[in-house]
C-alpha cells in the first residue's frame, strides 16, 4: 500500500524497535481516549478554538524544548511543507472530527475515522500504487460498514456528522501520505511546525466564525484540555508522525482500528453514550475491512 519509491526495501524485514513499539502504544491507547475528552471539552470550548489552541500551545512547548537543546528553526521550505501537512492533519482531520462531535458520539466518530487506512489505500492508488484484490475487497466492506453506521440514531438525526467525519478522515489520510513526499523539518521540529501552522489556521477560523469560549469553565475542562495538549498533541501527534516517517503506511495507520474499541468502551462507560446492535455490526465490518487492508499492505511492502 506504500509508494514504491518510498517503501522500505522488500529485503529488509520490519523490525519493531522499542521506539516504534512505544509510538504504536501511544497512538493506539492515547488517541482512543481523546475522542471522549474532545467531546467533553466541547461543552466549554468550541471545535476550532479547542483544536487550534491546543495545537499551538503544544507547538510552543516543543519549540521551546528544541531551542533549549540548540536545534535550529526550520528553513523556509520546511515551514511551507510542514504548514501544508499541518493544515491537512489538524485543520481538516482533527478539526473536522471535533466539529462532527457536536452532533455524534465519540465512539461512532472513532469508528468512522477508522476508514483512514481505506482512504490511504485509494490515495496511494492515485499515485500509482493501486490496491490489490484483497485491498479492494477491504475497501468495499469498509464503506458498507460506514453506510450501516448512517442508520444509527445520531447520524439519522444529524447526517452532516457522518459527512464531516468522512471528509476529515480523507483529509487526514491525504496529509499523512503527502508528508512522505514533502521535505519536512527533521524530527520534533517538523511536528512542532505542523501543529503551529495547523493550529493557527484553526484559531483564525474559530475567530472568523464567531466561536466563543464559555465562561466560567466546567471544573474538569482545564484538566481535559491539558490532557489533550500534552498527550493528544505532543505525545500522540509526534508518535504518529514518527511512525509515518519510519514504517509502512499500513502499520502507521493501524491505530485506526484500535481507537474505536477504546473510544466506544469509554463513551458507553463514562460518556453516557449508547450504540445499537446494528452499530456494533457496522463497527465490526469497518474494523475487519481495515485489518484486511493492513495485512494486504504489509504483504506488498
C-alpha atoms as a PDB file:
ATOM      1  CA  UNK A   1       0.000   0.000   0.000  1.00  0.00           C
ATOM      2  CA  UNK A   2       3.068   2.243   0.001  1.00  0.00           C
ATOM      3  CA  UNK A   3       4.541   4.250  -2.843  1.00  0.00           C
ATOM      4  CA  UNK A   4       7.249   2.160  -4.468  1.00  0.00           C
ATOM      5  CA  UNK A   5       9.804   4.960  -4.263  1.00  0.00           C
ATOM      6  CA  UNK A   6       9.298   5.447  -0.550  1.00  0.00           C
ATOM      7  CA  UNK A   7       8.581   1.961   0.817  1.00  0.00           C
ATOM      8  CA  UNK A   8      11.076   0.060   2.891  1.00  0.00           C
ATOM      9  CA  UNK A   9      13.173  -2.340   0.798  1.00  0.00           C
ATOM     10  CA  UNK A  10      11.478  -5.725   0.440  1.00  0.00           C
ATOM     11  CA  UNK A  11      14.657  -7.470   1.559  1.00  0.00           C
ATOM     12  CA  UNK A  12      14.700  -5.594   4.853  1.00  0.00           C
ATOM     13  CA  UNK A  13      12.142  -7.080   7.272  1.00  0.00           C
ATOM     14  CA  UNK A  14      10.307  -4.709   9.531  1.00  0.00           C
ATOM     15  CA  UNK A  15      11.907  -4.663  12.973  1.00  0.00           C
ATOM     16  CA  UNK A  16       9.712  -3.305  15.705  1.00  0.00           C
ATOM     17  CA  UNK A  17      12.307  -1.263  17.549  1.00  0.00           C
ATOM     18  CA  UNK A  18      11.430  -0.045  21.048  1.00  0.00           C
ATOM     19  CA  UNK A  19      10.698   3.464  19.726  1.00  0.00           C
ATOM     20  CA  UNK A  20       8.233   2.044  17.186  1.00  0.00           C
ATOM     21  CA  UNK A  21       6.517  -0.127  19.807  1.00  0.00           C
ATOM     22  CA  UNK A  22       6.172   2.840  22.177  1.00  0.00           C
ATOM     23  CA  UNK A  23       4.872   5.052  19.367  1.00  0.00           C
ATOM     24  CA  UNK A  24       2.288   2.446  18.395  1.00  0.00           C
ATOM     25  CA  UNK A  25       1.190   2.114  22.021  1.00  0.00           C
ATOM     26  CA  UNK A  26       0.828   5.897  22.234  1.00  0.00           C
ATOM     27  CA  UNK A  27      -1.400   6.273  19.173  1.00  0.00           C
ATOM     28  CA  UNK A  28      -3.369   3.122  19.991  1.00  0.00           C
ATOM     29  CA  UNK A  29      -4.275   3.962  23.585  1.00  0.00           C
ATOM     30  CA  UNK A  30      -3.952   7.742  23.893  1.00  0.00           C
ATOM     31  CA  UNK A  31      -5.799   8.620  20.700  1.00  0.00           C
ATOM     32  CA  UNK A  32      -8.528   6.165  21.601  1.00  0.00           C
ATOM     33  CA  UNK A  33      -9.185   8.199  24.738  1.00  0.00           C
ATOM     34  CA  UNK A  34      -9.043  11.626  23.102  1.00  0.00           C
ATOM     35  CA  UNK A  35     -12.417  11.265  21.373  1.00  0.00           C
ATOM     36  CA  UNK A  36     -14.316  11.342  24.663  1.00  0.00           C
ATOM     37  CA  UNK A  37     -12.073  14.091  26.062  1.00  0.00           C
ATOM     38  CA  UNK A  38     -12.671  16.244  22.969  1.00  0.00           C
ATOM     39  CA  UNK A  39     -16.432  15.795  23.204  1.00  0.00           C
ATOM     40  CA  UNK A  40     -16.470  16.741  26.887  1.00  0.00           C
ATOM     41  CA  UNK A  41     -14.336  19.847  26.308  1.00  0.00           C
ATOM     42  CA  UNK A  42     -16.760  20.950  23.564  1.00  0.00           C
ATOM     43  CA  UNK A  43     -19.162  21.948  26.345  1.00  0.00           C
ATOM     44  CA  UNK A  44     -16.954  24.990  27.031  1.00  0.00           C
ATOM     45  CA  UNK A  45     -14.523  25.324  24.101  1.00  0.00           C
ATOM     46  CA  UNK A  46     -15.903  25.096  20.516  1.00  0.00           C
ATOM     47  CA  UNK A  47     -14.142  22.879  17.960  1.00  0.00           C
ATOM     48  CA  UNK A  48     -11.854  25.237  16.031  1.00  0.00           C
ATOM     49  CA  UNK A  49     -10.634  27.098  19.096  1.00  0.00           C
ATOM     50  CA  UNK A  50     -10.254  23.841  21.020  1.00  0.00           C
ATOM     51  CA  UNK A  51      -8.079  22.029  18.457  1.00  0.00           C
ATOM     52  CA  UNK A  52      -6.254  25.155  17.304  1.00  0.00           C
ATOM     53  CA  UNK A  53      -5.302  26.383  20.771  1.00  0.00           C
ATOM     54  CA  UNK A  54      -4.090  23.006  21.932  1.00  0.00           C
ATOM     55  CA  UNK A  55      -2.022  22.550  18.750  1.00  0.00           C
ATOM     56  CA  UNK A  56      -0.423  25.961  19.077  1.00  0.00           C
ATOM     57  CA  UNK A  57       0.416  25.510  22.768  1.00  0.00           C
ATOM     58  CA  UNK A  58       1.858  22.049  22.075  1.00  0.00           C
ATOM     59  CA  UNK A  59       3.984  23.553  19.294  1.00  0.00           C
ATOM     60  CA  UNK A  60       5.259  26.371  21.514  1.00  0.00           C
ATOM     61  CA  UNK A  61       6.258  23.890  24.213  1.00  0.00           C
ATOM     62  CA  UNK A  62       8.003  21.661  21.688  1.00  0.00           C
ATOM     63  CA  UNK A  63       9.848  24.564  20.078  1.00  0.00           C
ATOM     64  CA  UNK A  64      10.952  25.854  23.492  1.00  0.00           C
ATOM     65  CA  UNK A  65      12.417  22.434  24.290  1.00  0.00           C
ATOM     66  CA  UNK A  66      14.098  22.221  20.869  1.00  0.00           C
ATOM     67  CA  UNK A  67      15.618  25.692  21.136  1.00  0.00           C
ATOM     68  CA  UNK A  68      16.906  24.856  24.620  1.00  0.00           C
ATOM     69  CA  UNK A  69      18.680  21.897  23.025  1.00  0.00           C
ATOM     70  CA  UNK A  70      20.109  24.119  20.296  1.00  0.00           C
ATOM     71  CA  UNK A  71      18.013  22.772  17.416  1.00  0.00           C
ATOM     72  CA  UNK A  72      17.761  25.376  14.612  1.00  0.00           C
ATOM     73  CA  UNK A  73      14.487  26.747  13.270  1.00  0.00           C
ATOM     74  CA  UNK A  74      13.070  25.109  10.127  1.00  0.00           C
ATOM     75  CA  UNK A  75      14.054  26.782   6.860  1.00  0.00           C
ATOM     76  CA  UNK A  76      11.541  28.424   4.528  1.00  0.00           C
ATOM     77  CA  UNK A  77      10.754  25.273   2.575  1.00  0.00           C
ATOM     78  CA  UNK A  78      10.470  23.301   5.803  1.00  0.00           C
ATOM     79  CA  UNK A  79       7.888  25.761   7.131  1.00  0.00           C
ATOM     80  CA  UNK A  80       5.965  25.612   3.852  1.00  0.00           C
ATOM     81  CA  UNK A  81       5.826  21.818   3.635  1.00  0.00           C
ATOM     82  CA  UNK A  82       5.118  21.394   7.345  1.00  0.00           C
ATOM     83  CA  UNK A  83       2.383  24.018   7.083  1.00  0.00           C
ATOM     84  CA  UNK A  84       0.669  22.147   4.248  1.00  0.00           C
ATOM     85  CA  UNK A  85       0.704  18.907   6.228  1.00  0.00           C
ATOM     86  CA  UNK A  86      -0.352  20.653   9.431  1.00  0.00           C
ATOM     87  CA  UNK A  87      -3.368  22.299   7.815  1.00  0.00           C
ATOM     88  CA  UNK A  88      -4.483  18.964   6.334  1.00  0.00           C
ATOM     89  CA  UNK A  89      -3.958  16.945   9.515  1.00  0.00           C
ATOM     90  CA  UNK A  90      -5.040  19.403  12.214  1.00  0.00           C
ATOM     91  CA  UNK A  91      -7.285  21.711  10.219  1.00  0.00           C
ATOM     92  CA  UNK A  92      -9.034  19.151   8.076  1.00  0.00           C
ATOM     93  CA  UNK A  93      -8.538  15.985  10.114  1.00  0.00           C
ATOM     94  CA  UNK A  94      -8.648  16.656  13.852  1.00  0.00           C
ATOM     95  CA  UNK A  95     -10.617  19.867  13.405  1.00  0.00           C
ATOM     96  CA  UNK A  96     -13.220  18.053  11.335  1.00  0.00           C
ATOM     97  CA  UNK A  97     -13.592  15.350  13.972  1.00  0.00           C
ATOM     98  CA  UNK A  98     -14.130  17.980  16.662  1.00  0.00           C
ATOM     99  CA  UNK A  99     -16.779  19.707  14.545  1.00  0.00           C
ATOM    100  CA  UNK A 100     -18.590  16.411  13.927  1.00  0.00           C
ATOM    101  CA  UNK A 101     -18.608  15.561  17.625  1.00  0.00           C
ATOM    102  CA  UNK A 102     -21.063  18.385  18.150  1.00  0.00           C
ATOM    103  CA  UNK A 103     -23.610  16.026  16.575  1.00  0.00           C
ATOM    104  CA  UNK A 104     -22.365  12.440  17.077  1.00  0.00           C
ATOM    105  CA  UNK A 105     -20.912  10.464  19.968  1.00  0.00           C
ATOM    106  CA  UNK A 106     -17.214   9.831  20.484  1.00  0.00           C
ATOM    107  CA  UNK A 107     -17.495   6.091  19.826  1.00  0.00           C
ATOM    108  CA  UNK A 108     -19.196   6.497  16.450  1.00  0.00           C
ATOM    109  CA  UNK A 109     -16.747   9.238  15.498  1.00  0.00           C
ATOM    110  CA  UNK A 110     -13.820   6.898  16.158  1.00  0.00           C
ATOM    111  CA  UNK A 111     -15.404   4.156  14.051  1.00  0.00           C
ATOM    112  CA  UNK A 112     -15.808   6.420  11.022  1.00  0.00           C
ATOM    113  CA  UNK A 113     -12.230   7.677  11.458  1.00  0.00           C
ATOM    114  CA  UNK A 114     -11.232   4.004  11.175  1.00  0.00           C
ATOM    115  CA  UNK A 115     -11.666   4.498   7.415  1.00  0.00           C
ATOM    116  CA  UNK A 116      -8.333   6.365   7.304  1.00  0.00           C
ATOM    117  CA  UNK A 117      -6.390   3.305   6.047  1.00  0.00           C
ATOM    118  CA  UNK A 118      -9.042   2.797   3.366  1.00  0.00           C
ATOM    119  CA  UNK A 119      -8.609   6.372   2.184  1.00  0.00           C
ATOM    120  CA  UNK A 120      -4.835   5.926   2.316  1.00  0.00           C
ATOM    121  CA  UNK A 121      -5.101   2.905   0.013  1.00  0.00           C
ATOM    122  CA  UNK A 122      -7.109   4.922  -2.520  1.00  0.00           C
ATOM    123  CA  UNK A 123      -4.752   7.906  -2.308  1.00  0.00           C
ATOM    124  CA  UNK A 124      -1.725   5.690  -2.889  1.00  0.00           C
ATOM    125  CA  UNK A 125      -3.575   4.247  -5.869  1.00  0.00           C
ATOM    126  CA  UNK A 126      -3.917   7.708  -7.376  1.00  0.00           C
ATOM    127  CA  UNK A 127      -0.140   7.978  -7.035  1.00  0.00           C
ATOM    128  CA  UNK A 128       0.432   4.780  -8.995  1.00  0.00           C
ATOM    129  CA  UNK A 129       0.205   2.101  -6.295  1.00  0.00           C
ATOM    130  CA  UNK A 130      -3.315   0.797  -6.759  1.00  0.00           C
ATOM    131  CA  UNK A 131      -4.728  -1.642  -4.205  1.00  0.00           C
ATOM    132  CA  UNK A 132      -4.664  -5.356  -4.929  1.00  0.00           C
ATOM    133  CA  UNK A 133      -7.728  -7.584  -4.906  1.00  0.00           C
ATOM    134  CA  UNK A 134      -7.736  -8.161  -1.139  1.00  0.00           C
ATOM    135  CA  UNK A 135      -7.471  -4.404  -0.560  1.00  0.00           C
ATOM    136  CA  UNK A 136     -10.368  -3.648  -2.904  1.00  0.00           C
ATOM    137  CA  UNK A 137     -12.480  -6.186  -1.009  1.00  0.00           C
ATOM    138  CA  UNK A 138     -11.493  -4.472   2.245  1.00  0.00           C
ATOM    139  CA  UNK A 139     -12.390  -1.062   0.853  1.00  0.00           C
ATOM    140  CA  UNK A 140     -15.815  -2.301  -0.190  1.00  0.00           C
ATOM    141  CA  UNK A 141     -16.505  -3.923   3.186  1.00  0.00           C
ATOM    142  CA  UNK A 142     -15.327  -0.802   4.991  1.00  0.00           C
ATOM    143  CA  UNK A 143     -17.638   1.547   3.179  1.00  0.00           C
ATOM    144  CA  UNK A 144     -20.510  -0.904   3.657  1.00  0.00           C
ATOM    145  CA  UNK A 145     -19.855  -0.612   7.382  1.00  0.00           C
ATOM    146  CA  UNK A 146     -19.852   3.176   7.194  1.00  0.00           C
ATOM    147  CA  UNK A 147     -23.149   3.064   5.269  1.00  0.00           C
ATOM    148  CA  UNK A 148     -24.675   0.954   8.049  1.00  0.00           C
ATOM    149  CA  UNK A 149     -23.438   3.455  10.595  1.00  0.00           C
ATOM    150  CA  UNK A 150     -25.568   6.057   8.869  1.00  0.00           C
ATOM    151  CA  UNK A 151     -28.578   4.178  10.260  1.00  0.00           C
ATOM    152  CA  UNK A 152     -27.520   4.940  13.841  1.00  0.00           C
ATOM    153  CA  UNK A 153     -29.803   7.453  15.553  1.00  0.00           C
ATOM    154  CA  UNK A 154     -27.040  10.068  15.905  1.00  0.00           C
ATOM    155  CA  UNK A 155     -26.349  10.001  12.182  1.00  0.00           C
ATOM    156  CA  UNK A 156     -30.033   9.858  11.232  1.00  0.00           C
ATOM    157  CA  UNK A 157     -30.635  12.942  13.319  1.00  0.00           C
ATOM    158  CA  UNK A 158     -27.548  14.751  12.016  1.00  0.00           C
ATOM    159  CA  UNK A 159     -26.285  13.187   8.750  1.00  0.00           C
ATOM    160  CA  UNK A 160     -23.854  16.061   8.381  1.00  0.00           C
ATOM    161  CA  UNK A 161     -21.897  14.488  11.228  1.00  0.00           C
ATOM    162  CA  UNK A 162     -21.155  11.427   9.097  1.00  0.00           C
ATOM    163  CA  UNK A 163     -20.243  13.556   6.072  1.00  0.00           C
ATOM    164  CA  UNK A 164     -17.887  15.756   8.087  1.00  0.00           C
ATOM    165  CA  UNK A 165     -16.212  12.696   9.628  1.00  0.00           C
ATOM    166  CA  UNK A 166     -15.672  11.059   6.236  1.00  0.00           C
ATOM    167  CA  UNK A 167     -14.179  14.280   4.862  1.00  0.00           C
ATOM    168  CA  UNK A 168     -11.966  14.636   7.942  1.00  0.00           C
ATOM    169  CA  UNK A 169     -10.738  11.045   7.551  1.00  0.00           C
ATOM    170  CA  UNK A 170      -9.911  11.592   3.877  1.00  0.00           C
ATOM    171  CA  UNK A 171      -8.003  14.817   4.605  1.00  0.00           C
ATOM    172  CA  UNK A 172      -6.068  13.157   7.435  1.00  0.00           C
ATOM    173  CA  UNK A 173      -5.102  10.253   5.153  1.00  0.00           C
ATOM    174  CA  UNK A 174      -4.075  12.622   2.363  1.00  0.00           C
ATOM    175  CA  UNK A 175      -1.948  14.727   4.701  1.00  0.00           C
ATOM    176  CA  UNK A 176      -0.294  11.605   6.116  1.00  0.00           C
ATOM    177  CA  UNK A 177       0.600  10.191   2.706  1.00  0.00           C
ATOM    178  CA  UNK A 178       1.643  13.583   1.353  1.00  0.00           C
ATOM    179  CA  UNK A 179       4.045  14.053   4.263  1.00  0.00           C
ATOM    180  CA  UNK A 180       6.132  11.173   2.868  1.00  0.00           C
ATOM    181  CA  UNK A 181       6.627  13.115  -0.366  1.00  0.00           C
ATOM    182  CA  UNK A 182       7.496  16.518   1.082  1.00  0.00           C
ATOM    183  CA  UNK A 183      10.701  17.724   2.700  1.00  0.00           C
ATOM    184  CA  UNK A 184       9.638  18.240   6.286  1.00  0.00           C
ATOM    185  CA  UNK A 185      11.913  19.556   9.030  1.00  0.00           C
ATOM    186  CA  UNK A 186      13.517  16.610  10.830  1.00  0.00           C
ATOM    187  CA  UNK A 187      12.084  15.047  13.967  1.00  0.00           C
ATOM    188  CA  UNK A 188      10.204  17.072  16.553  1.00  0.00           C
ATOM    189  CA  UNK A 189      10.931  20.316  14.707  1.00  0.00           C
ATOM    190  CA  UNK A 190       8.677  19.153  11.897  1.00  0.00           C
ATOM    191  CA  UNK A 191       5.951  18.032  14.295  1.00  0.00           C
ATOM    192  CA  UNK A 192       6.019  21.405  16.051  1.00  0.00           C
ATOM    193  CA  UNK A 193       5.879  23.356  12.790  1.00  0.00           C
ATOM    194  CA  UNK A 194       2.902  21.311  11.615  1.00  0.00           C
ATOM    195  CA  UNK A 195       0.996  21.889  14.848  1.00  0.00           C
ATOM    196  CA  UNK A 196       1.827  25.594  14.961  1.00  0.00           C
ATOM    197  CA  UNK A 197       0.647  26.334  11.417  1.00  0.00           C
ATOM    198  CA  UNK A 198      -2.327  23.974  11.531  1.00  0.00           C
ATOM    199  CA  UNK A 199      -3.341  25.223  14.963  1.00  0.00           C
ATOM    200  CA  UNK A 200      -3.009  28.839  13.901  1.00  0.00           C
ATOM    201  CA  UNK A 201      -5.285  28.298  10.899  1.00  0.00           C
ATOM    202  CA  UNK A 202      -7.905  26.704  13.156  1.00  0.00           C
ATOM    203  CA  UNK A 203      -7.777  29.508  15.738  1.00  0.00           C
ATOM    204  CA  UNK A 204      -8.219  32.042  12.930  1.00  0.00           C
ATOM    205  CA  UNK A 205     -11.162  30.024  11.577  1.00  0.00           C
ATOM    206  CA  UNK A 206     -12.701  29.976  15.050  1.00  0.00           C
ATOM    207  CA  UNK A 207     -12.413  33.724  15.441  1.00  0.00           C
ATOM    208  CA  UNK A 208     -13.788  34.395  11.950  1.00  0.00           C
ATOM    209  CA  UNK A 209     -16.780  32.106  12.504  1.00  0.00           C
ATOM    210  CA  UNK A 210     -17.567  33.738  15.836  1.00  0.00           C
ATOM    211  CA  UNK A 211     -16.645  30.917  18.193  1.00  0.00           C
ATOM    212  CA  UNK A 212     -16.541  31.893  21.850  1.00  0.00           C
ATOM    213  CA  UNK A 213     -15.279  30.102  24.939  1.00  0.00           C
ATOM    214  CA  UNK A 214     -17.980  29.509  27.514  1.00  0.00           C
ATOM    215  CA  UNK A 215     -17.106  31.101  30.859  1.00  0.00           C
ATOM    216  CA  UNK A 216     -16.949  30.034  33.606  1.00  0.00           C
ATOM    217  CA  UNK A 217     -15.370  26.747  32.582  1.00  0.00           C
ATOM    218  CA  UNK A 218     -16.545  23.432  33.946  1.00  0.00           C
ATOM    219  CA  UNK A 219     -14.044  22.309  36.637  1.00  0.00           C
ATOM    220  CA  UNK A 220     -12.958  19.324  34.521  1.00  0.00           C
ATOM    221  CA  UNK A 221     -12.396  21.300  31.311  1.00  0.00           C
ATOM    222  CA  UNK A 222      -8.883  22.676  32.081  1.00  0.00           C
ATOM    223  CA  UNK A 223      -7.684  19.207  33.065  1.00  0.00           C
ATOM    224  CA  UNK A 224      -9.142  17.564  29.979  1.00  0.00           C
ATOM    225  CA  UNK A 225      -7.774  20.310  27.724  1.00  0.00           C
ATOM    226  CA  UNK A 226      -4.347  19.925  29.343  1.00  0.00           C
ATOM    227  CA  UNK A 227      -4.515  16.173  28.759  1.00  0.00           C
ATOM    228  CA  UNK A 228      -5.277  16.809  25.095  1.00  0.00           C
ATOM    229  CA  UNK A 229      -2.362  19.246  24.796  1.00  0.00           C
ATOM    230  CA  UNK A 230       0.262  17.034  26.423  1.00  0.00           C
ATOM    231  CA  UNK A 231      -0.848  13.566  25.432  1.00  0.00           C
ATOM    232  CA  UNK A 232      -3.145  14.047  22.462  1.00  0.00           C
ATOM    233  CA  UNK A 233      -0.966  16.619  20.681  1.00  0.00           C
ATOM    234  CA  UNK A 234       2.639  16.463  21.889  1.00  0.00           C
ATOM    235  CA  UNK A 235       2.922  12.736  22.620  1.00  0.00           C
ATOM    236  CA  UNK A 236       0.299  11.308  20.261  1.00  0.00           C
ATOM    237  CA  UNK A 237       0.885  13.524  17.216  1.00  0.00           C
ATOM    238  CA  UNK A 238       4.670  13.274  17.498  1.00  0.00           C
ATOM    239  CA  UNK A 239       4.441   9.485  17.815  1.00  0.00           C
ATOM    240  CA  UNK A 240       2.189   9.281  14.747  1.00  0.00           C
ATOM    241  CA  UNK A 241       4.405  11.436  12.539  1.00  0.00           C
ATOM    242  CA  UNK A 242       7.408   9.389  13.684  1.00  0.00           C
ATOM    243  CA  UNK A 243       5.614   6.226  12.565  1.00  0.00           C
ATOM    244  CA  UNK A 244       4.634   7.764   9.219  1.00  0.00           C
ATOM    245  CA  UNK A 245       8.287   8.561   8.526  1.00  0.00           C
ATOM    246  CA  UNK A 246       9.649   5.197   9.717  1.00  0.00           C
ATOM    247  CA  UNK A 247       7.215   2.402   8.850  1.00  0.00           C
ATOM    248  CA  UNK A 248       4.796   1.419   6.105  1.00  0.00           C
ATOM    249  CA  UNK A 249       1.515   3.351   5.904  1.00  0.00           C
ATOM    250  CA  UNK A 250      -0.352   0.114   6.687  1.00  0.00           C
ATOM    251  CA  UNK A 251       1.293  -0.067  10.099  1.00  0.00           C
ATOM    252  CA  UNK A 252       1.357   3.680  10.735  1.00  0.00           C
ATOM    253  CA  UNK A 253      -2.413   3.959  10.227  1.00  0.00           C
ATOM    254  CA  UNK A 254      -3.257   0.716  12.046  1.00  0.00           C
ATOM    255  CA  UNK A 255      -4.178   2.798  15.119  1.00  0.00           C
ATOM    256  CA  UNK A 256      -7.471   3.455  13.331  1.00  0.00           C
ATOM    257  CA  UNK A 257      -8.877   0.021  14.136  1.00  0.00           C
ATOM    258  CA  UNK A 258      -7.738   0.030  17.769  1.00  0.00           C
ATOM    259  CA  UNK A 259      -9.030   3.500  18.659  1.00  0.00           C
ATOM    260  CA  UNK A 260     -12.734   2.729  18.082  1.00  0.00           C
ATOM    261  CA  UNK A 261     -12.730  -0.128  20.572  1.00  0.00           C
ATOM    262  CA  UNK A 262     -11.284   2.132  23.283  1.00  0.00           C
ATOM    263  CA  UNK A 263     -13.463   5.093  22.286  1.00  0.00           C
ATOM    264  CA  UNK A 264     -16.693   3.077  22.299  1.00  0.00           C
ATOM    265  CA  UNK A 265     -15.907   1.499  25.674  1.00  0.00           C
ATOM    266  CA  UNK A 266     -15.083   4.881  27.218  1.00  0.00           C
ATOM    267  CA  UNK A 267     -18.062   6.599  25.613  1.00  0.00           C
ATOM    268  CA  UNK A 268     -20.504   3.977  26.833  1.00  0.00           C
ATOM    269  CA  UNK A 269     -18.886   3.662  30.283  1.00  0.00           C
ATOM    270  CA  UNK A 270     -18.287   7.330  31.127  1.00  0.00           C
ATOM    271  CA  UNK A 271     -19.853   9.495  28.420  1.00  0.00           C
ATOM    272  CA  UNK A 272     -23.455   8.355  28.660  1.00  0.00           C
ATOM    273  CA  UNK A 273     -23.369   7.187  25.026  1.00  0.00           C
ATOM    274  CA  UNK A 274     -25.140   4.199  23.508  1.00  0.00           C
ATOM    275  CA  UNK A 275     -24.805   2.162  20.353  1.00  0.00           C
ATOM    276  CA  UNK A 276     -27.278  -0.308  18.884  1.00  0.00           C
ATOM    277  CA  UNK A 277     -26.630  -3.913  17.888  1.00  0.00           C
ATOM    278  CA  UNK A 278     -26.579  -2.754  14.264  1.00  0.00           C
ATOM    279  CA  UNK A 279     -23.937  -0.209  15.181  1.00  0.00           C
ATOM    280  CA  UNK A 280     -21.729  -2.945  16.584  1.00  0.00           C
ATOM    281  CA  UNK A 281     -22.173  -4.936  13.358  1.00  0.00           C
ATOM    282  CA  UNK A 282     -21.198  -1.874  11.342  1.00  0.00           C
ATOM    283  CA  UNK A 283     -18.184  -1.328  13.584  1.00  0.00           C
ATOM    284  CA  UNK A 284     -17.118  -4.943  13.110  1.00  0.00           C
ATOM    285  CA  UNK A 285     -17.336  -4.549   9.320  1.00  0.00           C
ATOM    286  CA  UNK A 286     -15.231  -1.388   9.359  1.00  0.00           C
ATOM    287  CA  UNK A 287     -12.592  -2.908  11.607  1.00  0.00           C
ATOM    288  CA  UNK A 288     -12.475  -6.154   9.621  1.00  0.00           C
ATOM    289  CA  UNK A 289     -12.001  -4.138   6.438  1.00  0.00           C
ATOM    290  CA  UNK A 290      -9.148  -2.135   7.912  1.00  0.00           C
ATOM    291  CA  UNK A 291      -7.412  -5.282   9.184  1.00  0.00           C
ATOM    292  CA  UNK A 292      -7.728  -6.781   5.690  1.00  0.00           C
ATOM    293  CA  UNK A 293      -6.299  -3.634   4.113  1.00  0.00           C
ATOM    294  CA  UNK A 294      -3.444  -3.511   6.613  1.00  0.00           C
ATOM    295  CA  UNK A 295      -2.420  -7.139   6.205  1.00  0.00           C
ATOM    296  CA  UNK A 296      -2.585  -6.907   2.422  1.00  0.00           C
ATOM    297  CA  UNK A 297      -0.465  -3.762   2.517  1.00  0.00           C
ATOM    298  CA  UNK A 298       2.147  -5.436   4.691  1.00  0.00           C
ATOM    299  CA  UNK A 299       2.489  -8.296   2.200  1.00  0.00           C
ATOM    300  CA  UNK A 300       3.159  -5.774  -0.580  1.00  0.00           C
ATOM    301  CA  UNK A 301       5.884  -3.871   1.278  1.00  0.00           C
END
